[in-house]
Amino acid sequence: QVQVVESGGGLVQAGGSLRLSCAVSGIIFSFNAMDWYRQVPGKQRELVAGITNNYRTNYADFVKGRFTISRDNPKNTVYLQMNSLKSEDTATYYCHVGRGANNYWGQGTQVTVSA
């Protein structure tokens, strides 16, 4: 059974930093691409950042230069370092594993940035 568990969310002031973690089990982690998405109520879930099994990264324009995605294969964990946070970064952040038919989501972790 695949488990995807996010952690590290919380309340932070604008300009501050948070690091989200996503621990994965039940799947060969190193084979899989990983992504972070976010969603606010009433809006579609949007891609924030992704990292392939070959460590190639991509970022949404609205986080470039502020967020960094990384992965630690021995720990089966992907991270999202978020710096210079803005109030508009407030959302539930979700970890996504894999592609196509074999993909999995975590339950989400709330990030709230106060102005």
N, C-alpha and C. Protein backbone atom coordinates (compact mmCIF):
# COMPACT_ATOMS: atom_id res chain seq x y z
N GLN A 1 0.84 -1.18 0.00
CA GLN A 1 0.00 0.00 0.00
C GLN A 1 0.88 1.24 0.00
N VAL A 2 0.61 2.14 -0.92
CA VAL A 2 1.40 3.36 -1.03
C VAL A 2 0.88 4.39 -0.03
N GLN A 3 1.81 4.97 0.71
CA GLN A 3 1.47 6.05 1.63
C GLN A 3 2.29 7.28 1.30
N VAL A 4 1.62 8.41 1.30
CA VAL A 4 2.25 9.70 0.99
C VAL A 4 1.86 10.65 2.12
N VAL A 5 2.84 11.08 2.89
CA VAL A 5 2.54 11.87 4.09
C VAL A 5 3.33 13.16 4.09
N GLU A 6 2.61 14.28 4.02
CA GLU A 6 3.24 15.60 4.06
C GLU A 6 3.35 16.09 5.50
N SER A 7 4.33 16.94 5.73
CA SER A 7 4.47 17.60 7.03
C SER A 7 5.21 18.91 6.82
N GLY A 8 5.21 19.74 7.86
CA GLY A 8 5.98 20.97 7.83
C GLY A 8 5.18 22.24 7.60
N GLY A 9 3.89 22.10 7.35
CA GLY A 9 3.08 23.30 7.16
C GLY A 9 2.89 24.04 8.47
N GLY A 10 2.32 25.23 8.36
CA GLY A 10 2.09 26.02 9.57
C GLY A 10 1.82 27.46 9.24
N LEU A 11 1.88 28.29 10.27
CA LEU A 11 1.64 29.73 10.15
C LEU A 11 2.97 30.45 10.17
N VAL A 12 3.18 31.34 9.21
CA VAL A 12 4.43 32.08 9.13
C VAL A 12 4.12 33.50 8.66
N GLN A 13 4.94 34.44 9.06
CA GLN A 13 4.76 35.81 8.61
C GLN A 13 5.29 35.98 7.19
N ALA A 14 4.74 36.94 6.50
CA ALA A 14 5.23 37.25 5.16
C ALA A 14 6.73 37.55 5.22
N GLY A 15 7.44 37.01 4.25
CA GLY A 15 8.89 37.14 4.22
C GLY A 15 9.62 36.00 4.89
N GLY A 16 8.89 35.18 5.59
CA GLY A 16 9.49 34.05 6.31
C GLY A 16 9.67 32.83 5.43
N SER A 17 10.08 31.74 6.08
CA SER A 17 10.39 30.50 5.37
C SER A 17 9.74 29.31 6.05
N LEU A 18 9.47 28.30 5.26
CA LEU A 18 9.02 27.00 5.75
C LEU A 18 9.63 25.93 4.86
N ARG A 19 9.80 24.74 5.43
CA ARG A 19 10.23 23.60 4.64
C ARG A 19 9.21 22.49 4.79
N LEU A 20 8.62 22.12 3.68
CA LEU A 20 7.68 21.00 3.67
C LEU A 20 8.43 19.71 3.35
N SER A 21 7.96 18.64 3.95
CA SER A 21 8.51 17.32 3.69
C SER A 21 7.39 16.39 3.24
N CYS A 22 7.76 15.42 2.43
CA CYS A 22 6.80 14.41 1.98
C CYS A 22 7.49 13.06 2.01
N ALA A 23 7.04 12.21 2.91
CA ALA A 23 7.61 10.88 3.05
C ALA A 23 6.72 9.88 2.32
N VAL A 24 7.36 9.02 1.56
CA VAL A 24 6.63 8.06 0.72
C VAL A 24 7.05 6.65 1.08
N SER A 25 6.09 5.75 1.13
CA SER A 25 6.38 4.34 1.36
C SER A 25 5.50 3.50 0.47
N GLY A 26 5.93 2.25 0.26
CA GLY A 26 5.14 1.33 -0.53
C GLY A 26 5.37 1.41 -2.03
N ILE A 27 6.40 2.14 -2.43
CA ILE A 27 6.68 2.32 -3.85
C ILE A 27 8.19 2.51 -3.97
N ILE A 28 8.73 2.18 -5.15
CA ILE A 28 10.16 2.40 -5.36
C ILE A 28 10.35 3.89 -5.61
N PHE A 29 10.70 4.58 -4.54
CA PHE A 29 10.73 6.04 -4.56
C PHE A 29 11.65 6.58 -5.65
N SER A 30 12.83 5.99 -5.78
CA SER A 30 13.84 6.55 -6.68
C SER A 30 13.42 6.48 -8.14
N PHE A 31 12.44 5.64 -8.46
CA PHE A 31 11.98 5.51 -9.85
C PHE A 31 10.98 6.59 -10.25
N ASN A 32 10.48 7.30 -9.26
CA ASN A 32 9.30 8.13 -9.49
C ASN A 32 9.58 9.62 -9.48
N ALA A 33 8.90 10.31 -10.38
CA ALA A 33 8.87 11.77 -10.33
C ALA A 33 7.99 12.21 -9.16
N MET A 34 8.31 13.37 -8.61
CA MET A 34 7.60 13.90 -7.46
C MET A 34 7.23 15.34 -7.75
N ASP A 35 6.07 15.74 -7.24
CA ASP A 35 5.61 17.11 -7.44
C ASP A 35 5.00 17.65 -6.15
N TRP A 36 5.02 18.96 -6.05
CA TRP A 36 4.22 19.67 -5.05
C TRP A 36 3.17 20.50 -5.78
N TYR A 37 1.95 20.37 -5.34
CA TYR A 37 0.83 21.18 -5.83
C TYR A 37 0.29 21.98 -4.65
N ARG A 38 -0.54 22.95 -4.98
CA ARG A 38 -1.24 23.67 -3.92
C ARG A 38 -2.65 24.01 -4.39
N GLN A 39 -3.50 24.25 -3.41
CA GLN A 39 -4.90 24.54 -3.72
C GLN A 39 -5.48 25.44 -2.64
N VAL A 40 -6.26 26.41 -3.09
CA VAL A 40 -7.04 27.23 -2.17
C VAL A 40 -8.51 26.95 -2.45
N PRO A 41 -9.36 27.12 -1.48
CA PRO A 41 -10.79 26.82 -1.68
C PRO A 41 -11.37 27.59 -2.85
N GLY A 42 -12.10 26.87 -3.70
CA GLY A 42 -12.76 27.49 -4.83
C GLY A 42 -11.90 27.61 -6.07
N LYS A 43 -10.65 27.16 -5.97
CA LYS A 43 -9.75 27.23 -7.11
C LYS A 43 -9.20 25.86 -7.44
N GLN A 44 -8.71 25.72 -8.67
CA GLN A 44 -8.12 24.45 -9.08
C GLN A 44 -6.77 24.25 -8.41
N ARG A 45 -6.45 22.98 -8.23
CA ARG A 45 -5.12 22.64 -7.72
C ARG A 45 -4.10 23.02 -8.79
N GLU A 46 -2.99 23.63 -8.35
CA GLU A 46 -1.99 24.08 -9.32
C GLU A 46 -0.61 23.52 -8.97
N LEU A 47 0.17 23.27 -10.01
CA LEU A 47 1.51 22.74 -9.83
C LEU A 47 2.42 23.84 -9.31
N VAL A 48 3.18 23.50 -8.28
CA VAL A 48 4.15 24.44 -7.71
C VAL A 48 5.55 24.12 -8.20
N ALA A 49 5.94 22.85 -8.07
CA ALA A 49 7.28 22.43 -8.46
C ALA A 49 7.29 20.93 -8.65
N GLY A 50 8.25 20.47 -9.48
CA GLY A 50 8.39 19.05 -9.71
C GLY A 50 9.86 18.67 -9.83
N ILE A 51 10.13 17.40 -9.55
CA ILE A 51 11.48 16.88 -9.69
C ILE A 51 11.38 15.47 -10.24
N THR A 52 12.15 15.19 -11.27
CA THR A 52 12.10 13.87 -11.90
C THR A 52 12.99 12.89 -11.14
N ASN A 53 12.96 11.63 -11.58
CA ASN A 53 13.84 10.64 -10.96
C ASN A 53 15.29 10.93 -11.30
N ASN A 54 15.53 11.76 -12.31
CA ASN A 54 16.89 12.17 -12.66
C ASN A 54 17.25 13.55 -12.10
N TYR A 55 16.45 14.00 -11.14
CA TYR A 55 16.72 15.24 -10.43
C TYR A 55 16.53 16.49 -11.28
N ARG A 56 15.83 16.36 -12.39
CA ARG A 56 15.50 17.54 -13.17
C ARG A 56 14.32 18.24 -12.50
N THR A 57 14.43 19.55 -12.35
CA THR A 57 13.39 20.29 -11.63
C THR A 57 12.66 21.26 -12.56
N ASN A 58 11.45 21.58 -12.17
CA ASN A 58 10.69 22.62 -12.85
C ASN A 58 9.84 23.35 -11.82
N TYR A 59 9.58 24.62 -12.09
CA TYR A 59 8.87 25.46 -11.13
C TYR A 59 7.81 26.30 -11.83
N ALA A 60 6.74 26.54 -11.13
CA ALA A 60 5.77 27.52 -11.59
C ALA A 60 6.41 28.90 -11.54
N ASP A 61 6.03 29.76 -12.46
CA ASP A 61 6.63 31.10 -12.51
C ASP A 61 6.45 31.84 -11.18
N PHE A 62 5.34 31.59 -10.51
CA PHE A 62 5.05 32.38 -9.32
C PHE A 62 5.90 31.98 -8.11
N VAL A 63 6.71 30.92 -8.23
CA VAL A 63 7.59 30.55 -7.12
C VAL A 63 9.06 30.54 -7.52
N LYS A 64 9.36 30.77 -8.77
CA LYS A 64 10.76 30.73 -9.21
C LYS A 64 11.60 31.73 -8.43
N GLY A 65 12.74 31.25 -7.98
CA GLY A 65 13.63 32.11 -7.21
C GLY A 65 13.32 32.15 -5.72
N ARG A 66 12.18 31.59 -5.32
CA ARG A 66 11.79 31.60 -3.90
C ARG A 66 11.70 30.18 -3.32
N PHE A 67 11.22 29.23 -4.11
CA PHE A 67 11.02 27.86 -3.65
C PHE A 67 12.06 26.94 -4.29
N THR A 68 12.44 25.91 -3.56
CA THR A 68 13.37 24.91 -4.08
C THR A 68 12.85 23.52 -3.74
N ILE A 69 12.74 22.68 -4.75
CA ILE A 69 12.34 21.30 -4.54
C ILE A 69 13.59 20.42 -4.56
N SER A 70 13.61 19.44 -3.69
CA SER A 70 14.74 18.52 -3.64
C SER A 70 14.23 17.16 -3.19
N ARG A 71 15.06 16.15 -3.38
CA ARG A 71 14.67 14.80 -2.98
C ARG A 71 15.84 14.10 -2.33
N ASP A 72 15.53 13.22 -1.40
CA ASP A 72 16.52 12.39 -0.73
C ASP A 72 16.06 10.94 -0.91
N ASN A 73 16.61 10.29 -1.91
CA ASN A 73 16.13 8.95 -2.23
C ASN A 73 16.33 7.94 -1.10
N PRO A 74 17.49 7.93 -0.41
CA PRO A 74 17.62 6.96 0.69
C PRO A 74 16.57 7.15 1.78
N LYS A 75 16.06 8.37 1.93
CA LYS A 75 15.05 8.63 2.94
C LYS A 75 13.63 8.59 2.37
N ASN A 76 13.51 8.32 1.08
CA ASN A 76 12.19 8.29 0.43
C ASN A 76 11.39 9.56 0.70
N THR A 77 12.06 10.67 0.62
CA THR A 77 11.45 11.95 0.99
C THR A 77 11.74 13.02 -0.05
N VAL A 78 10.74 13.84 -0.30
CA VAL A 78 10.91 15.02 -1.15
C VAL A 78 10.61 16.25 -0.29
N TYR A 79 11.32 17.32 -0.57
CA TYR A 79 11.20 18.54 0.23
C TYR A 79 10.79 19.71 -0.66
N LEU A 80 10.20 20.69 -0.02
CA LEU A 80 9.94 21.97 -0.68
C LEU A 80 10.37 23.07 0.28
N GLN A 81 11.49 23.69 -0.03
CA GLN A 81 11.97 24.82 0.76
C GLN A 81 11.31 26.08 0.22
N MET A 82 10.60 26.77 1.08
CA MET A 82 9.85 27.95 0.66
C MET A 82 10.39 29.17 1.39
N ASN A 83 10.97 30.08 0.65
CA ASN A 83 11.53 31.31 1.21
C ASN A 83 10.75 32.51 0.69
N SER A 84 10.94 33.63 1.35
CA SER A 84 10.28 34.89 0.95
C SER A 84 8.79 34.68 0.72
N LEU A 85 8.17 34.04 1.67
CA LEU A 85 6.76 33.71 1.52
C LEU A 85 5.89 34.96 1.47
N LYS A 86 4.83 34.84 0.67
CA LYS A 86 3.88 35.93 0.48
C LYS A 86 2.50 35.47 0.94
N SER A 87 1.63 36.40 1.21
CA SER A 87 0.29 36.03 1.66
C SER A 87 -0.43 35.19 0.60
N GLU A 88 -0.11 35.44 -0.67
CA GLU A 88 -0.76 34.66 -1.73
C GLU A 88 -0.26 33.23 -1.84
N ASP A 89 0.77 32.89 -1.06
CA ASP A 89 1.22 31.49 -1.00
C ASP A 89 0.38 30.66 -0.04
N THR A 90 -0.53 31.32 0.67
CA THR A 90 -1.41 30.60 1.58
C THR A 90 -2.25 29.60 0.80
N ALA A 91 -2.18 28.33 1.21
CA ALA A 91 -2.86 27.26 0.50
C ALA A 91 -2.63 25.95 1.25
N THR A 92 -3.34 24.93 0.80
CA THR A 92 -3.01 23.56 1.21
C THR A 92 -2.06 23.00 0.17
N TYR A 93 -0.94 22.50 0.64
CA TYR A 93 0.10 21.98 -0.24
C TYR A 93 0.02 20.45 -0.25
N TYR A 94 0.04 19.91 -1.47
CA TYR A 94 -0.11 18.47 -1.65
C TYR A 94 1.13 17.90 -2.34
N CYS A 95 1.52 16.73 -1.88
CA CYS A 95 2.60 15.98 -2.50
C CYS A 95 1.98 14.98 -3.49
N HIS A 96 2.60 14.87 -4.64
CA HIS A 96 2.11 13.97 -5.70
C HIS A 96 3.28 13.10 -6.16
N VAL A 97 3.00 11.81 -6.29
CA VAL A 97 4.03 10.83 -6.65
C VAL A 97 3.63 10.16 -7.96
N GLY A 98 4.60 10.03 -8.86
CA GLY A 98 4.39 9.21 -10.05
C GLY A 98 3.73 9.94 -11.20
N ARG A 99 3.41 9.16 -12.23
CA ARG A 99 2.82 9.67 -13.45
C ARG A 99 1.80 8.68 -13.98
N GLY A 100 0.92 9.15 -14.83
CA GLY A 100 -0.03 8.29 -15.51
C GLY A 100 -0.93 7.52 -14.57
N ALA A 101 -1.10 6.25 -14.85
CA ALA A 101 -2.02 5.43 -14.05
C ALA A 101 -1.51 5.19 -12.64
N ASN A 102 -0.21 5.25 -12.46
CA ASN A 102 0.38 4.99 -11.14
C ASN A 102 0.80 6.29 -10.51
N ASN A 103 -0.18 6.97 -9.91
CA ASN A 103 0.16 8.21 -9.23
C ASN A 103 -0.65 8.30 -7.95
N TYR A 104 -0.10 9.01 -6.97
CA TYR A 104 -0.66 9.01 -5.63
C TYR A 104 -0.55 10.41 -5.05
N TRP A 105 -1.50 10.71 -4.14
CA TRP A 105 -1.54 12.02 -3.49
C TRP A 105 -1.48 11.85 -1.97
N GLY A 106 -0.89 12.83 -1.34
CA GLY A 106 -0.96 12.92 0.10
C GLY A 106 -2.22 13.65 0.53
N GLN A 107 -2.35 13.78 1.84
CA GLN A 107 -3.56 14.39 2.39
C GLN A 107 -3.48 15.91 2.45
N GLY A 108 -2.30 16.44 2.25
CA GLY A 108 -2.11 17.89 2.24
C GLY A 108 -1.64 18.44 3.57
N THR A 109 -0.94 19.55 3.50
CA THR A 109 -0.52 20.27 4.70
C THR A 109 -0.79 21.75 4.49
N GLN A 110 -1.35 22.39 5.50
CA GLN A 110 -1.78 23.79 5.35
C GLN A 110 -0.62 24.73 5.60
N VAL A 111 -0.47 25.68 4.70
CA VAL A 111 0.49 26.76 4.85
C VAL A 111 -0.29 28.07 4.88
N THR A 112 -0.10 28.83 5.94
CA THR A 112 -0.78 30.11 6.07
C THR A 112 0.26 31.20 6.27
N VAL A 113 0.25 32.18 5.40
CA VAL A 113 1.21 33.28 5.47
C VAL A 113 0.45 34.54 5.86
N SER A 114 0.81 35.11 6.99
CA SER A 114 0.15 36.31 7.46
C SER A 114 0.85 37.54 6.92
N ALA A 115 0.05 38.54 6.58
CA ALA A 115 0.62 39.76 5.99
C ALA A 115 1.35 40.59 7.04
